[in-house]
Amino acid sequence: MNIEKQLPLDVVAKVDATPEYDDTHGGPYDRGGADSYYRRQFDPHYWPEGTMRGTRVEMKDMTPEEIAAYTKGYNDNEAAGDFKEY
């Protein structure tokens, strides 16, 4: 599945243009990687106070940079092939 087809072009351009992403627990990059790891659907979001703390920020309320970070985290884990064994 090509998840970038679901994103605005300004977000797609940022995904690989940023060399490093903040991997804070609950942040966009972390949540993207976790969703991929657990084989969940691509669903940009993050938790500003840490995973499952505070209010979940949905894609409609995220900046293009945050969506790009989530996407990069998701893509990085997909490329690594690091998935939960059930």
PDB file of N, CA and C in Angstrom:
ATOM      1  N   MET A   1       0.847  -1.181   0.000  1.00  0.00           N
ATOM      2  CA  MET A   1       0.000   0.000   0.000  1.00  0.00           C
ATOM      3  C   MET A   1       0.890   1.241   0.000  1.00  0.00           C
ATOM      4  N   ASN A   2       0.614   2.140  -0.888  1.00  0.00           N
ATOM      5  CA  ASN A   2       1.382   3.381  -0.957  1.00  0.00           C
ATOM      6  C   ASN A   2       0.656   4.440  -0.136  1.00  0.00           C
ATOM      7  N   ILE A   3       1.070   4.599   1.115  1.00  0.00           N
ATOM      8  CA  ILE A   3       0.371   5.506   2.019  1.00  0.00           C
ATOM      9  C   ILE A   3       0.513   6.959   1.627  1.00  0.00           C
ATOM     10  N   GLU A   4       1.605   7.293   0.909  1.00  0.00           N
ATOM     11  CA  GLU A   4       1.780   8.683   0.513  1.00  0.00           C
ATOM     12  C   GLU A   4       0.665   9.176  -0.409  1.00  0.00           C
ATOM     13  N   LYS A   5      -0.002   8.276  -1.119  1.00  0.00           N
ATOM     14  CA  LYS A   5      -1.099   8.684  -2.005  1.00  0.00           C
ATOM     15  C   LYS A   5      -2.246   9.299  -1.217  1.00  0.00           C
ATOM     16  N   GLN A   6      -2.300   9.034   0.083  1.00  0.00           N
ATOM     17  CA  GLN A   6      -3.367   9.555   0.937  1.00  0.00           C
ATOM     18  C   GLN A   6      -3.034  10.941   1.494  1.00  0.00           C
ATOM     19  N   LEU A   7      -1.828  11.429   1.261  1.00  0.00           N
ATOM     20  CA  LEU A   7      -1.363  12.658   1.896  1.00  0.00           C
ATOM     21  C   LEU A   7      -1.252  13.807   0.902  1.00  0.00           C
ATOM     22  N   PRO A   8      -1.410  15.040   1.390  1.00  0.00           N
ATOM     23  CA  PRO A   8      -1.181  16.210   0.538  1.00  0.00           C
ATOM     24  C   PRO A   8       0.277  16.261   0.081  1.00  0.00           C
ATOM     25  N   LEU A   9       0.521  16.828  -1.081  1.00  0.00           N
ATOM     26  CA  LEU A   9       1.874  16.884  -1.640  1.00  0.00           C
ATOM     27  C   LEU A   9       2.867  17.608  -0.740  1.00  0.00           C
ATOM     28  N   ASP A  10       2.425  18.654  -0.025  1.00  0.00           N
ATOM     29  CA  ASP A  10       3.356  19.377   0.841  1.00  0.00           C
ATOM     30  C   ASP A  10       3.848  18.492   1.987  1.00  0.00           C
ATOM     31  N   VAL A  11       3.046  17.529   2.393  1.00  0.00           N
ATOM     32  CA  VAL A  11       3.461  16.596   3.446  1.00  0.00           C
ATOM     33  C   VAL A  11       4.424  15.566   2.861  1.00  0.00           C
ATOM     34  N   VAL A  12       4.087  15.015   1.704  1.00  0.00           N
ATOM     35  CA  VAL A  12       4.927  14.000   1.067  1.00  0.00           C
ATOM     36  C   VAL A  12       6.337  14.537   0.840  1.00  0.00           C
ATOM     37  N   ALA A  13       6.451  15.776   0.432  1.00  0.00           N
ATOM     38  CA  ALA A  13       7.759  16.378   0.174  1.00  0.00           C
ATOM     39  C   ALA A  13       8.606  16.456   1.440  1.00  0.00           C
ATOM     40  N   LYS A  14       7.987  16.535   2.599  1.00  0.00           N
ATOM     41  CA  LYS A  14       8.716  16.672   3.862  1.00  0.00           C
ATOM     42  C   LYS A  14       9.167  15.336   4.450  1.00  0.00           C
ATOM     43  N   VAL A  15       8.543  14.234   4.045  1.00  0.00           N
ATOM     44  CA  VAL A  15       8.797  12.943   4.684  1.00  0.00           C
ATOM     45  C   VAL A  15      10.275  12.582   4.684  1.00  0.00           C
ATOM     46  N   ASP A  16      10.916  12.599   3.539  1.00  0.00           N
ATOM     47  CA  ASP A  16      12.328  12.226   3.469  1.00  0.00           C
ATOM     48  C   ASP A  16      13.258  13.423   3.454  1.00  0.00           C
ATOM     49  N   ALA A  17      12.704  14.624   3.427  1.00  0.00           N
ATOM     50  CA  ALA A  17      13.530  15.831   3.394  1.00  0.00           C
ATOM     51  C   ALA A  17      14.107  16.174   4.764  1.00  0.00           C
ATOM     52  N   THR A  18      13.500  15.659   5.818  1.00  0.00           N
ATOM     53  CA  THR A  18      13.967  15.932   7.173  1.00  0.00           C
ATOM     54  C   THR A  18      14.886  14.788   7.608  1.00  0.00           C
ATOM     55  N   PRO A  19      16.150  15.065   7.902  1.00  0.00           N
ATOM     56  CA  PRO A  19      17.087  13.987   8.208  1.00  0.00           C
ATOM     57  C   PRO A  19      16.834  13.274   9.534  1.00  0.00           C
ATOM     58  N   GLU A  20      16.338  13.983  10.523  1.00  0.00           N
ATOM     59  CA  GLU A  20      16.102  13.372  11.837  1.00  0.00           C
ATOM     60  C   GLU A  20      14.745  13.793  12.376  1.00  0.00           C
ATOM     61  N   TYR A  21      14.116  12.879  13.057  1.00  0.00           N
ATOM     62  CA  TYR A  21      12.822  13.164  13.676  1.00  0.00           C
ATOM     63  C   TYR A  21      12.913  12.924  15.175  1.00  0.00           C
ATOM     64  N   ASP A  22      12.165  13.694  15.928  1.00  0.00           N
ATOM     65  CA  ASP A  22      12.075  13.526  17.379  1.00  0.00           C
ATOM     66  C   ASP A  22      11.332  12.224  17.655  1.00  0.00           C
ATOM     67  N   ASP A  23      11.957  11.302  18.374  1.00  0.00           N
ATOM     68  CA  ASP A  23      11.315  10.010  18.642  1.00  0.00           C
ATOM     69  C   ASP A  23      10.742   9.925  20.059  1.00  0.00           C
ATOM     70  N   THR A  24      10.361  11.066  20.618  1.00  0.00           N
ATOM     71  CA  THR A  24       9.757  11.107  21.948  1.00  0.00           C
ATOM     72  C   THR A  24       8.562  10.164  22.015  1.00  0.00           C
ATOM     73  N   HIS A  25       8.470   9.416  23.117  1.00  0.00           N
ATOM     74  CA  HIS A  25       7.362   8.476  23.301  1.00  0.00           C
ATOM     75  C   HIS A  25       6.034   9.225  23.203  1.00  0.00           C
ATOM     76  N   GLY A  26       5.184   8.774  22.310  1.00  0.00           N
ATOM     77  CA  GLY A  26       3.878   9.398  22.111  1.00  0.00           C
ATOM     78  C   GLY A  26       3.870  10.406  20.984  1.00  0.00           C
ATOM     79  N   GLY A  27       5.060  10.831  20.525  1.00  0.00           N
ATOM     80  CA  GLY A  27       5.153  11.808  19.448  1.00  0.00           C
ATOM     81  C   GLY A  27       4.798  11.195  18.099  1.00  0.00           C
ATOM     82  N   PRO A  28       4.674  12.013  17.072  1.00  0.00           N
ATOM     83  CA  PRO A  28       4.265  11.518  15.758  1.00  0.00           C
ATOM     84  C   PRO A  28       5.163  10.420  15.177  1.00  0.00           C
ATOM     85  N   TYR A  29       6.482  10.591  15.231  1.00  0.00           N
ATOM     86  CA  TYR A  29       7.387   9.575  14.688  1.00  0.00           C
ATOM     87  C   TYR A  29       7.227   8.259  15.454  1.00  0.00           C
ATOM     88  N   ASP A  30       7.184   8.343  16.758  1.00  0.00           N
ATOM     89  CA  ASP A  30       7.018   7.161  17.612  1.00  0.00           C
ATOM     90  C   ASP A  30       5.710   6.445  17.317  1.00  0.00           C
ATOM     91  N   ARG A  31       4.627   7.186  17.185  1.00  0.00           N
ATOM     92  CA  ARG A  31       3.314   6.576  16.936  1.00  0.00           C
ATOM     93  C   ARG A  31       3.247   5.925  15.561  1.00  0.00           C
ATOM     94  N   GLY A  32       3.895   6.537  14.565  1.00  0.00           N
ATOM     95  CA  GLY A  32       3.941   5.915  13.242  1.00  0.00           C
ATOM     96  C   GLY A  32       4.648   4.577  13.285  1.00  0.00           C
ATOM     97  N   GLY A  33       5.795   4.550  13.953  1.00  0.00           N
ATOM     98  CA  GLY A  33       6.535   3.307  14.086  1.00  0.00           C
ATOM     99  C   GLY A  33       5.758   2.253  14.860  1.00  0.00           C
ATOM    100  N   ALA A  34       5.080   2.672  15.910  1.00  0.00           N
ATOM    101  CA  ALA A  34       4.297   1.727  16.718  1.00  0.00           C
ATOM    102  C   ALA A  34       3.125   1.163  15.921  1.00  0.00           C
ATOM    103  N   ASP A  35       2.452   2.002  15.158  1.00  0.00           N
ATOM    104  CA  ASP A  35       1.324   1.502  14.360  1.00  0.00           C
ATOM    105  C   ASP A  35       1.802   0.464  13.358  1.00  0.00           C
ATOM    106  N   SER A  36       2.930   0.718  12.721  1.00  0.00           N
ATOM    107  CA  SER A  36       3.479  -0.265  11.792  1.00  0.00           C
ATOM    108  C   SER A  36       3.885  -1.538  12.529  1.00  0.00           C
ATOM    109  N   TYR A  37       4.590  -1.393  13.656  1.00  0.00           N
ATOM    110  CA  TYR A  37       5.056  -2.548  14.431  1.00  0.00           C
ATOM    111  C   TYR A  37       3.908  -3.480  14.798  1.00  0.00           C
ATOM    112  N   TYR A  38       2.797  -2.897  15.222  1.00  0.00           N
ATOM    113  CA  TYR A  38       1.640  -3.704  15.628  1.00  0.00           C
ATOM    114  C   TYR A  38       0.710  -4.015  14.458  1.00  0.00           C
ATOM    115  N   ARG A  39       1.152  -3.669  13.245  1.00  0.00           N
ATOM    116  CA  ARG A  39       0.401  -3.934  12.013  1.00  0.00           C
ATOM    117  C   ARG A  39      -0.953  -3.245  11.999  1.00  0.00           C
ATOM    118  N   ARG A  40      -0.977  -2.051  12.594  1.00  0.00           N
ATOM    119  CA  ARG A  40      -2.203  -1.254  12.541  1.00  0.00           C
ATOM    120  C   ARG A  40      -2.214  -0.446  11.260  1.00  0.00           C
ATOM    121  N   GLN A  41      -3.377   0.022  10.886  1.00  0.00           N
ATOM    122  CA  GLN A  41      -3.512   0.841   9.693  1.00  0.00           C
ATOM    123  C   GLN A  41      -2.789   2.167   9.862  1.00  0.00           C
ATOM    124  N   PHE A  42      -2.413   2.735   8.742  1.00  0.00           N
ATOM    125  CA  PHE A  42      -1.820   4.073   8.699  1.00  0.00           C
ATOM    126  C   PHE A  42      -2.884   5.061   9.157  1.00  0.00           C
ATOM    127  N   ASP A  43      -2.631   5.731  10.280  1.00  0.00           N
ATOM    128  CA  ASP A  43      -3.618   6.633  10.881  1.00  0.00           C
ATOM    129  C   ASP A  43      -2.872   7.721  11.650  1.00  0.00           C
ATOM    130  N   PRO A  44      -2.387   8.757  10.955  1.00  0.00           N
ATOM    131  CA  PRO A  44      -1.593   9.785  11.626  1.00  0.00           C
ATOM    132  C   PRO A  44      -2.272  10.375  12.867  1.00  0.00           C
ATOM    133  N   HIS A  45      -1.529  10.360  13.956  1.00  0.00           N
ATOM    134  CA  HIS A  45      -1.982  10.905  15.239  1.00  0.00           C
ATOM    135  C   HIS A  45      -0.771  10.949  16.166  1.00  0.00           C
ATOM    136  N   TYR A  46      -0.951  11.564  17.313  1.00  0.00           N
ATOM    137  CA  TYR A  46       0.075  11.497  18.357  1.00  0.00           C
ATOM    138  C   TYR A  46      -0.539  11.917  19.682  1.00  0.00           C
ATOM    139  N   TRP A  47       0.230  11.700  20.721  1.00  0.00           N
ATOM    140  CA  TRP A  47      -0.171  12.039  22.092  1.00  0.00           C
ATOM    141  C   TRP A  47       0.859  13.025  22.642  1.00  0.00           C
ATOM    142  N   PRO A  48       0.535  14.309  22.751  1.00  0.00           N
ATOM    143  CA  PRO A  48       1.532  15.303  23.174  1.00  0.00           C
ATOM    144  C   PRO A  48       2.067  15.120  24.595  1.00  0.00           C
ATOM    145  N   GLU A  49       1.337  14.412  25.436  1.00  0.00           N
ATOM    146  CA  GLU A  49       1.791  14.200  26.819  1.00  0.00           C
ATOM    147  C   GLU A  49       2.326  12.789  27.035  1.00  0.00           C
ATOM    148  N   GLY A  50       2.547  12.056  25.960  1.00  0.00           N
ATOM    149  CA  GLY A  50       2.988  10.664  26.055  1.00  0.00           C
ATOM    150  C   GLY A  50       1.844   9.745  25.676  1.00  0.00           C
ATOM    151  N   THR A  51       2.174   8.565  25.217  1.00  0.00           N
ATOM    152  CA  THR A  51       1.165   7.625  24.728  1.00  0.00           C
ATOM    153  C   THR A  51       0.051   7.398  25.739  1.00  0.00           C
ATOM    154  N   MET A  52      -1.167   7.588  25.256  1.00  0.00           N
ATOM    155  CA  MET A  52      -2.397   7.394  26.030  1.00  0.00           C
ATOM    156  C   MET A  52      -2.551   8.388  27.183  1.00  0.00           C
ATOM    157  N   ARG A  53      -1.827   9.499  27.116  1.00  0.00           N
ATOM    158  CA  ARG A  53      -1.941  10.538  28.143  1.00  0.00           C
ATOM    159  C   ARG A  53      -2.425  11.818  27.501  1.00  0.00           C
ATOM    160  N   GLY A  54      -3.282  12.518  28.174  1.00  0.00           N
ATOM    161  CA  GLY A  54      -3.808  13.764  27.632  1.00  0.00           C
ATOM    162  C   GLY A  54      -4.785  13.494  26.506  1.00  0.00           C
ATOM    163  N   THR A  55      -4.817  14.387  25.545  1.00  0.00           N
ATOM    164  CA  THR A  55      -5.752  14.295  24.434  1.00  0.00           C
ATOM    165  C   THR A  55      -5.016  13.871  23.171  1.00  0.00           C
ATOM    166  N   ARG A  56      -5.518  12.834  22.521  1.00  0.00           N
ATOM    167  CA  ARG A  56      -4.950  12.362  21.263  1.00  0.00           C
ATOM    168  C   ARG A  56      -5.172  13.426  20.185  1.00  0.00           C
ATOM    169  N   VAL A  57      -4.119  13.750  19.448  1.00  0.00           N
ATOM    170  CA  VAL A  57      -4.201  14.723  18.360  1.00  0.00           C
ATOM    171  C   VAL A  57      -4.401  13.950  17.059  1.00  0.00           C
ATOM    172  N   GLU A  58      -5.506  14.210  16.383  1.00  0.00           N
ATOM    173  CA  GLU A  58      -5.844  13.527  15.131  1.00  0.00           C
ATOM    174  C   GLU A  58      -5.205  14.241  13.945  1.00  0.00           C
ATOM    175  N   MET A  59      -5.141  13.562  12.798  1.00  0.00           N
ATOM    176  CA  MET A  59      -4.494  14.113  11.617  1.00  0.00           C
ATOM    177  C   MET A  59      -5.057  15.472  11.221  1.00  0.00           C
ATOM    178  N   LYS A  60      -6.349  15.673  11.356  1.00  0.00           N
ATOM    179  CA  LYS A  60      -6.952  16.946  10.945  1.00  0.00           C
ATOM    180  C   LYS A  60      -6.413  18.122  11.759  1.00  0.00           C
ATOM    181  N   ASP A  61      -5.854  17.830  12.926  1.00  0.00           N
ATOM    182  CA  ASP A  61      -5.310  18.874  13.793  1.00  0.00           C
ATOM    183  C   ASP A  61      -3.775  18.902  13.810  1.00  0.00           C
ATOM    184  N   MET A  62      -3.151  18.099  12.967  1.00  0.00           N
ATOM    185  CA  MET A  62      -1.691  18.027  12.914  1.00  0.00           C
ATOM    186  C   MET A  62      -1.140  18.964  11.848  1.00  0.00           C
ATOM    187  N   THR A  63       0.087  19.432  12.070  1.00  0.00           N
ATOM    188  CA  THR A  63       0.770  20.242  11.068  1.00  0.00           C
ATOM    189  C   THR A  63       1.325  19.314   9.982  1.00  0.00           C
ATOM    190  N   PRO A  64       1.659  19.857   8.824  1.00  0.00           N
ATOM    191  CA  PRO A  64       2.298  19.022   7.799  1.00  0.00           C
ATOM    192  C   PRO A  64       3.576  18.351   8.307  1.00  0.00           C
ATOM    193  N   GLU A  65       4.346  19.041   9.134  1.00  0.00           N
ATOM    194  CA  GLU A  65       5.578  18.467   9.684  1.00  0.00           C
ATOM    195  C   GLU A  65       5.274  17.280  10.602  1.00  0.00           C
ATOM    196  N   GLU A  66       4.226  17.376  11.404  1.00  0.00           N
ATOM    197  CA  GLU A  66       3.849  16.273  12.300  1.00  0.00           C
ATOM    198  C   GLU A  66       3.364  15.072  11.500  1.00  0.00           C
ATOM    199  N   ILE A  67       2.595  15.328  10.457  1.00  0.00           N
ATOM    200  CA  ILE A  67       2.119  14.230   9.612  1.00  0.00           C
ATOM    201  C   ILE A  67       3.305  13.570   8.909  1.00  0.00           C
ATOM    202  N   ALA A  68       4.252  14.376   8.458  1.00  0.00           N
ATOM    203  CA  ALA A  68       5.455  13.829   7.823  1.00  0.00           C
ATOM    204  C   ALA A  68       6.237  12.970   8.810  1.00  0.00           C
ATOM    205  N   ALA A  69       6.350  13.402  10.065  1.00  0.00           N
ATOM    206  CA  ALA A  69       7.067  12.626  11.084  1.00  0.00           C
ATOM    207  C   ALA A  69       6.378  11.293  11.329  1.00  0.00           C
ATOM    208  N   TYR A  70       5.063  11.299  11.450  1.00  0.00           N
ATOM    209  CA  TYR A  70       4.315  10.048  11.630  1.00  0.00           C
ATOM    210  C   TYR A  70       4.576   9.124  10.435  1.00  0.00           C
ATOM    211  N   THR A  71       4.467   9.676   9.228  1.00  0.00           N
ATOM    212  CA  THR A  71       4.659   8.896   8.013  1.00  0.00           C
ATOM    213  C   THR A  71       6.058   8.305   7.953  1.00  0.00           C
ATOM    214  N   LYS A  72       7.066   9.091   8.311  1.00  0.00           N
ATOM    215  CA  LYS A  72       8.445   8.612   8.309  1.00  0.00           C
ATOM    216  C   LYS A  72       8.627   7.487   9.322  1.00  0.00           C
ATOM    217  N   GLY A  73       8.048   7.625  10.509  1.00  0.00           N
ATOM    218  CA  GLY A  73       8.127   6.556  11.501  1.00  0.00           C
ATOM    219  C   GLY A  73       7.477   5.278  11.000  1.00  0.00           C
ATOM    220  N   TYR A  74       6.326   5.414  10.373  1.00  0.00           N
ATOM    221  CA  TYR A  74       5.619   4.261   9.810  1.00  0.00           C
ATOM    222  C   TYR A  74       6.472   3.613   8.719  1.00  0.00           C
ATOM    223  N   ASN A  75       6.961   4.437   7.785  1.00  0.00           N
ATOM    224  CA  ASN A  75       7.770   3.919   6.675  1.00  0.00           C
ATOM    225  C   ASN A  75       9.066   3.289   7.150  1.00  0.00           C
ATOM    226  N   ASP A  76       9.729   3.901   8.132  1.00  0.00           N
ATOM    227  CA  ASP A  76      10.983   3.349   8.640  1.00  0.00           C
ATOM    228  C   ASP A  76      10.772   1.961   9.218  1.00  0.00           C
ATOM    229  N   ASN A  77       9.706   1.782   9.984  1.00  0.00           N
ATOM    230  CA  ASN A  77       9.462   0.468  10.556  1.00  0.00           C
ATOM    231  C   ASN A  77       9.052  -0.542   9.486  1.00  0.00           C
ATOM    232  N   GLU A  78       8.266  -0.105   8.508  1.00  0.00           N
ATOM    233  CA  GLU A  78       7.895  -1.004   7.409  1.00  0.00           C
ATOM    234  C   GLU A  78       9.159  -1.477   6.689  1.00  0.00           C
ATOM    235  N   ALA A  79      10.076  -0.564   6.422  1.00  0.00           N
ATOM    236  CA  ALA A  79      11.318  -0.906   5.720  1.00  0.00           C
ATOM    237  C   ALA A  79      12.189  -1.850   6.557  1.00  0.00           C
ATOM    238  N   ALA A  80      12.176  -1.657   7.869  1.00  0.00           N
ATOM    239  CA  ALA A  80      12.970  -2.505   8.759  1.00  0.00           C
ATOM    240  C   ALA A  80      12.350  -3.895   8.920  1.00  0.00           C
ATOM    241  N   GLY A  81      11.060  -3.993   8.666  1.00  0.00           N
ATOM    242  CA  GLY A  81      10.379  -5.284   8.813  1.00  0.00           C
ATOM    243  C   GLY A  81      10.279  -5.757  10.254  1.00  0.00           C
ATOM    244  N   ASP A  82      10.255  -4.815  11.186  1.00  0.00           N
ATOM    245  CA  ASP A  82      10.196  -5.139  12.610  1.00  0.00           C
ATOM    246  C   ASP A  82       8.736  -5.147  13.060  1.00  0.00           C
ATOM    247  N   PHE A  83       8.148  -6.341  13.094  1.00  0.00           N
ATOM    248  CA  PHE A  83       6.718  -6.464  13.412  1.00  0.00           C
ATOM    249  C   PHE A  83       6.504  -7.369  14.612  1.00  0.00           C
ATOM    250  N   LYS A  84       5.468  -7.069  15.366  1.00  0.00           N
ATOM    251  CA  LYS A  84       5.084  -7.887  16.537  1.00  0.00           C
ATOM    252  C   LYS A  84       4.723  -9.283  16.086  1.00  0.00           C
ATOM    253  N   GLU A  85       5.267 -10.261  16.770  1.00  0.00           N
ATOM    254  CA  GLU A  85       4.913 -11.662  16.523  1.00  0.00           C
ATOM    255  C   GLU A  85       3.757 -12.041  17.436  1.00  0.00           C
ATOM    256  N   TYR A  86       2.679 -12.453  16.864  1.00  0.00           N
ATOM    257  CA  TYR A  86       1.507 -12.859  17.652  1.00  0.00           C
ATOM    258  C   TYR A  86       1.412 -14.354  17.745  1.00  0.00           C
TER     259      TYR A  86
END
